[in-house]
Amino acid sequence: MTLYRYIPVWRREPEGAKLYRCFEIVGTGGYVVQSADYFTSKTWRDREAQMEGQFLELFLEQRPEERIAPKPSIEDAIEYFESSF
């Protein structure tokens, strides 16, 4: 049985903020970024529920480590995600 620890990581950006939805694979180790959401002060209230739904839907469809190979640190996982998407 694989366990996951969800770790939200925020980055402030000039026009808003980006939320990286990271998972630690408990036991075997490694980190992956499943997705990232971008928020602005004008749109976050309208999109928050939709983004949460998409986050859960993606997690239920496919194991995070099947989408992206785990990286040794959260920073490495975010860097890889940024360069890939």
N, C-alpha and C. Protein backbone atom coordinates (compact mmCIF):
# COMPACT_ATOMS: atom_id res chain seq x y z
N MET A 1 0.85 -1.18 0.00
CA MET A 1 0.00 0.00 0.00
C MET A 1 0.90 1.25 0.00
N THR A 2 0.67 2.11 -0.94
CA THR A 2 1.44 3.36 -1.03
C THR A 2 0.69 4.47 -0.33
N LEU A 3 1.41 5.21 0.50
CA LEU A 3 0.83 6.36 1.18
C LEU A 3 1.46 7.63 0.62
N TYR A 4 0.68 8.70 0.64
CA TYR A 4 1.13 9.98 0.11
C TYR A 4 0.89 11.07 1.15
N ARG A 5 1.84 11.97 1.26
CA ARG A 5 1.66 13.15 2.09
C ARG A 5 1.53 14.34 1.14
N TYR A 6 0.39 15.02 1.21
CA TYR A 6 0.15 16.20 0.38
C TYR A 6 0.86 17.39 1.01
N ILE A 7 1.63 18.10 0.19
CA ILE A 7 2.37 19.27 0.66
C ILE A 7 2.09 20.43 -0.29
N PRO A 8 1.25 21.37 0.13
CA PRO A 8 1.04 22.55 -0.71
C PRO A 8 2.23 23.51 -0.57
N VAL A 9 2.74 23.97 -1.69
CA VAL A 9 3.88 24.90 -1.69
C VAL A 9 3.48 26.12 -2.52
N TRP A 10 3.60 27.29 -1.91
CA TRP A 10 3.19 28.53 -2.57
C TRP A 10 4.40 29.31 -3.07
N ARG A 11 4.22 29.96 -4.22
CA ARG A 11 5.21 30.90 -4.75
C ARG A 11 4.49 32.20 -5.09
N ARG A 12 4.98 33.30 -4.52
CA ARG A 12 4.42 34.61 -4.87
C ARG A 12 4.94 35.01 -6.24
N GLU A 13 4.06 35.57 -7.05
CA GLU A 13 4.43 36.01 -8.40
C GLU A 13 3.95 37.46 -8.57
N PRO A 14 4.43 38.17 -9.59
CA PRO A 14 4.09 39.59 -9.72
C PRO A 14 2.58 39.88 -9.73
N GLU A 15 1.81 39.05 -10.36
CA GLU A 15 0.37 39.32 -10.48
C GLU A 15 -0.50 38.41 -9.62
N GLY A 16 0.12 37.58 -8.78
CA GLY A 16 -0.68 36.67 -7.97
C GLY A 16 0.20 35.67 -7.24
N ALA A 17 -0.26 34.42 -7.22
CA ALA A 17 0.48 33.37 -6.53
C ALA A 17 0.24 32.04 -7.23
N LYS A 18 1.24 31.17 -7.15
CA LYS A 18 1.13 29.84 -7.73
C LYS A 18 1.17 28.82 -6.60
N LEU A 19 0.25 27.87 -6.65
CA LEU A 19 0.19 26.79 -5.67
C LEU A 19 0.65 25.50 -6.35
N TYR A 20 1.79 24.98 -5.89
CA TYR A 20 2.27 23.70 -6.38
C TYR A 20 1.68 22.62 -5.49
N ARG A 21 1.05 21.65 -6.10
CA ARG A 21 0.41 20.56 -5.36
C ARG A 21 1.36 19.36 -5.38
N CYS A 22 2.14 19.28 -4.31
CA CYS A 22 3.22 18.30 -4.22
C CYS A 22 2.79 17.12 -3.36
N PHE A 23 3.39 15.98 -3.66
CA PHE A 23 3.22 14.79 -2.84
C PHE A 23 4.57 14.23 -2.48
N GLU A 24 4.69 13.80 -1.23
CA GLU A 24 5.81 12.98 -0.81
C GLU A 24 5.32 11.54 -0.84
N ILE A 25 6.08 10.65 -1.44
CA ILE A 25 5.74 9.24 -1.42
C ILE A 25 6.30 8.69 -0.12
N VAL A 26 5.42 8.41 0.82
CA VAL A 26 5.81 8.00 2.17
C VAL A 26 6.40 6.59 2.11
N GLY A 27 7.49 6.41 2.81
CA GLY A 27 8.13 5.09 2.87
C GLY A 27 9.23 4.94 1.84
N THR A 28 8.89 5.02 0.57
CA THR A 28 9.90 4.87 -0.48
C THR A 28 10.65 6.16 -0.73
N GLY A 29 10.04 7.27 -0.39
CA GLY A 29 10.69 8.57 -0.55
C GLY A 29 10.48 9.16 -1.92
N GLY A 30 10.88 10.38 -2.05
CA GLY A 30 10.75 11.11 -3.30
C GLY A 30 9.55 12.03 -3.28
N TYR A 31 9.62 13.03 -4.15
CA TYR A 31 8.59 14.06 -4.24
C TYR A 31 8.18 14.25 -5.69
N VAL A 32 6.91 14.54 -5.88
CA VAL A 32 6.40 14.87 -7.21
C VAL A 32 5.47 16.06 -7.09
N VAL A 33 5.41 16.84 -8.16
CA VAL A 33 4.41 17.90 -8.27
C VAL A 33 3.33 17.35 -9.19
N GLN A 34 2.14 17.20 -8.65
CA GLN A 34 1.04 16.68 -9.47
C GLN A 34 0.51 17.76 -10.41
N SER A 35 0.38 18.97 -9.87
CA SER A 35 -0.17 20.06 -10.68
C SER A 35 0.17 21.38 -10.00
N ALA A 36 -0.15 22.46 -10.68
CA ALA A 36 0.04 23.79 -10.12
C ALA A 36 -1.15 24.66 -10.52
N ASP A 37 -1.59 25.49 -9.61
CA ASP A 37 -2.70 26.40 -9.86
C ASP A 37 -2.23 27.83 -9.67
N TYR A 38 -2.74 28.72 -10.51
CA TYR A 38 -2.35 30.12 -10.44
C TYR A 38 -3.54 30.93 -9.94
N PHE A 39 -3.30 31.76 -8.95
CA PHE A 39 -4.35 32.58 -8.35
C PHE A 39 -4.01 34.06 -8.50
N THR A 40 -5.03 34.85 -8.75
CA THR A 40 -4.89 36.30 -8.70
C THR A 40 -5.90 36.82 -7.69
N SER A 41 -5.72 38.07 -7.28
CA SER A 41 -6.63 38.63 -6.28
C SER A 41 -8.06 38.74 -6.81
N LYS A 42 -8.21 38.80 -8.12
CA LYS A 42 -9.55 38.96 -8.71
C LYS A 42 -10.25 37.63 -9.01
N THR A 43 -9.50 36.56 -9.20
CA THR A 43 -10.12 35.33 -9.68
C THR A 43 -10.13 34.17 -8.69
N TRP A 44 -9.42 34.25 -7.59
CA TRP A 44 -9.27 33.07 -6.75
C TRP A 44 -10.58 32.56 -6.17
N ARG A 45 -11.48 33.45 -5.80
CA ARG A 45 -12.76 33.00 -5.21
C ARG A 45 -13.60 32.23 -6.22
N ASP A 46 -13.58 32.66 -7.46
CA ASP A 46 -14.39 32.02 -8.49
C ASP A 46 -13.85 30.65 -8.89
N ARG A 47 -12.56 30.43 -8.75
CA ARG A 47 -11.93 29.22 -9.29
C ARG A 47 -11.49 28.22 -8.23
N GLU A 48 -11.54 28.58 -6.96
CA GLU A 48 -10.99 27.73 -5.91
C GLU A 48 -11.64 26.34 -5.87
N ALA A 49 -12.95 26.26 -5.89
CA ALA A 49 -13.64 24.96 -5.84
C ALA A 49 -13.33 24.12 -7.08
N GLN A 50 -13.28 24.75 -8.23
CA GLN A 50 -12.95 24.04 -9.47
C GLN A 50 -11.54 23.45 -9.40
N MET A 51 -10.60 24.23 -8.92
CA MET A 51 -9.21 23.75 -8.82
C MET A 51 -9.09 22.59 -7.84
N GLU A 52 -9.80 22.67 -6.72
CA GLU A 52 -9.78 21.58 -5.75
C GLU A 52 -10.34 20.30 -6.37
N GLY A 53 -11.42 20.44 -7.12
CA GLY A 53 -12.02 19.29 -7.79
C GLY A 53 -11.08 18.66 -8.81
N GLN A 54 -10.41 19.48 -9.59
CA GLN A 54 -9.46 18.97 -10.57
C GLN A 54 -8.28 18.28 -9.90
N PHE A 55 -7.83 18.83 -8.79
CA PHE A 55 -6.73 18.23 -8.04
C PHE A 55 -7.10 16.82 -7.58
N LEU A 56 -8.26 16.66 -6.99
CA LEU A 56 -8.70 15.35 -6.52
C LEU A 56 -8.96 14.39 -7.68
N GLU A 57 -9.57 14.89 -8.74
CA GLU A 57 -9.85 14.05 -9.91
C GLU A 57 -8.55 13.48 -10.51
N LEU A 58 -7.55 14.31 -10.64
CA LEU A 58 -6.27 13.87 -11.19
C LEU A 58 -5.62 12.83 -10.28
N PHE A 59 -5.68 13.05 -8.97
CA PHE A 59 -5.10 12.10 -8.02
C PHE A 59 -5.80 10.75 -8.10
N LEU A 60 -7.11 10.75 -8.25
CA LEU A 60 -7.87 9.51 -8.32
C LEU A 60 -7.66 8.77 -9.65
N GLU A 61 -7.38 9.50 -10.72
CA GLU A 61 -7.19 8.89 -12.04
C GLU A 61 -5.85 8.16 -12.17
N GLN A 62 -4.80 8.73 -11.57
CA GLN A 62 -3.47 8.17 -11.80
C GLN A 62 -2.57 8.46 -10.60
N ARG A 63 -1.77 7.47 -10.23
CA ARG A 63 -0.83 7.67 -9.14
C ARG A 63 0.16 8.76 -9.52
N PRO A 64 0.45 9.68 -8.61
CA PRO A 64 1.36 10.79 -8.95
C PRO A 64 2.70 10.34 -9.51
N GLU A 65 3.28 9.27 -8.96
CA GLU A 65 4.60 8.82 -9.42
C GLU A 65 4.54 8.11 -10.76
N GLU A 66 3.35 7.83 -11.27
CA GLU A 66 3.23 7.29 -12.63
C GLU A 66 3.25 8.41 -13.66
N ARG A 67 2.87 9.59 -13.28
CA ARG A 67 2.87 10.74 -14.19
C ARG A 67 4.27 11.34 -14.31
N ILE A 68 4.95 11.43 -13.17
CA ILE A 68 6.27 12.06 -13.12
C ILE A 68 7.14 11.25 -12.16
N ALA A 69 8.36 10.94 -12.56
CA ALA A 69 9.27 10.20 -11.68
C ALA A 69 9.59 11.03 -10.45
N PRO A 70 9.56 10.43 -9.27
CA PRO A 70 9.86 11.17 -8.04
C PRO A 70 11.28 11.75 -8.05
N LYS A 71 11.39 12.90 -7.44
CA LYS A 71 12.66 13.61 -7.33
C LYS A 71 13.10 13.60 -5.86
N PRO A 72 14.40 13.81 -5.59
CA PRO A 72 14.90 13.69 -4.21
C PRO A 72 14.46 14.80 -3.26
N SER A 73 14.02 15.95 -3.78
CA SER A 73 13.59 17.05 -2.91
C SER A 73 12.38 17.75 -3.53
N ILE A 74 11.68 18.50 -2.71
CA ILE A 74 10.55 19.28 -3.22
C ILE A 74 11.05 20.31 -4.24
N GLU A 75 12.17 20.92 -3.94
CA GLU A 75 12.72 21.92 -4.86
C GLU A 75 13.03 21.31 -6.22
N ASP A 76 13.61 20.12 -6.22
CA ASP A 76 13.90 19.44 -7.49
C ASP A 76 12.61 19.09 -8.23
N ALA A 77 11.61 18.66 -7.49
CA ALA A 77 10.33 18.31 -8.11
C ALA A 77 9.68 19.53 -8.76
N ILE A 78 9.73 20.66 -8.09
CA ILE A 78 9.14 21.89 -8.64
C ILE A 78 9.94 22.35 -9.86
N GLU A 79 11.25 22.31 -9.77
CA GLU A 79 12.08 22.70 -10.91
C GLU A 79 11.80 21.83 -12.12
N TYR A 80 11.68 20.52 -11.91
CA TYR A 80 11.38 19.61 -13.01
C TYR A 80 9.99 19.91 -13.59
N PHE A 81 9.02 20.14 -12.72
CA PHE A 81 7.66 20.44 -13.17
C PHE A 81 7.66 21.72 -14.03
N GLU A 82 8.33 22.74 -13.55
CA GLU A 82 8.39 24.02 -14.26
C GLU A 82 9.04 23.86 -15.64
N SER A 83 10.05 23.04 -15.73
CA SER A 83 10.74 22.88 -17.02
C SER A 83 9.97 21.96 -17.97
N SER A 84 9.05 21.18 -17.44
CA SER A 84 8.31 20.20 -18.26
C SER A 84 6.95 20.69 -18.71
N PHE A 85 6.36 21.62 -17.98
CA PHE A 85 4.98 22.04 -18.31
C PHE A 85 4.89 23.52 -18.57
